[in-house]
Amino acid sequence: MLEAGISAPPFTLLDQDAKEVSLGDYAGQWVLLWWYPKAATPG
């Protein structure tokens, strides 16, 4: 769990086009990560 004011650890995720995007790609910028845990899954 991150606490307020602590930097996030490095990570890489897939974007909506299945391209890798790394947190480091946005160094020095504000980043907002939004996801839907059950999006595109059955049930």
Protein backbone atom coordinates (compact mmCIF):
# COMPACT_ATOMS: atom_id res chain seq x y z
CA MET A 1 0.00 0.00 0.00
CA LEU A 2 1.35 3.41 -0.94
CA GLU A 3 1.11 6.33 1.42
CA ALA A 4 0.46 9.93 0.40
CA GLY A 5 3.64 11.62 -0.76
CA ILE A 6 5.47 8.37 -1.55
CA SER A 7 6.54 7.77 -5.17
CA ALA A 8 5.06 4.76 -6.93
CA PRO A 9 7.42 1.89 -7.77
CA PRO A 10 8.31 1.38 -11.45
CA PHE A 11 5.76 -0.65 -13.41
CA THR A 12 4.69 -1.44 -16.97
CA LEU A 13 1.10 -2.06 -18.12
CA LEU A 14 -0.70 -2.60 -21.41
CA ASP A 15 -2.76 0.27 -22.77
CA GLN A 16 -6.06 0.00 -24.64
CA ASP A 17 -4.14 -0.92 -27.82
CA ALA A 18 -2.11 -3.66 -26.07
CA LYS A 19 1.06 -1.53 -26.20
CA GLU A 20 3.36 -1.45 -23.19
CA VAL A 21 3.40 1.80 -21.24
CA SER A 22 5.82 2.31 -18.35
CA LEU A 23 5.54 4.73 -15.48
CA GLY A 24 9.05 5.91 -16.38
CA ASP A 25 7.69 7.15 -19.73
CA TYR A 26 6.03 9.95 -17.76
CA ALA A 27 8.89 10.92 -15.43
CA GLY A 28 8.36 14.41 -14.00
CA GLN A 29 4.67 14.46 -14.94
CA TRP A 30 1.48 13.77 -13.02
CA VAL A 31 -0.06 10.39 -13.89
CA LEU A 32 -3.59 9.17 -13.26
CA LEU A 33 -4.15 5.42 -13.54
CA TRP A 34 -7.76 4.34 -13.99
CA TRP A 35 -8.91 0.80 -14.51
CA TYR A 36 -11.97 -1.35 -14.27
CA PRO A 37 -11.04 -4.60 -12.47
CA LYS A 38 -13.77 -6.65 -14.13
CA ALA A 39 -14.00 -4.91 -17.50
CA ALA A 40 -14.15 -7.29 -20.47
CA THR A 41 -14.41 -10.36 -18.24
CA PRO A 42 -17.27 -12.83 -18.15
CA GLY A 43 -19.57 -12.96 -15.16
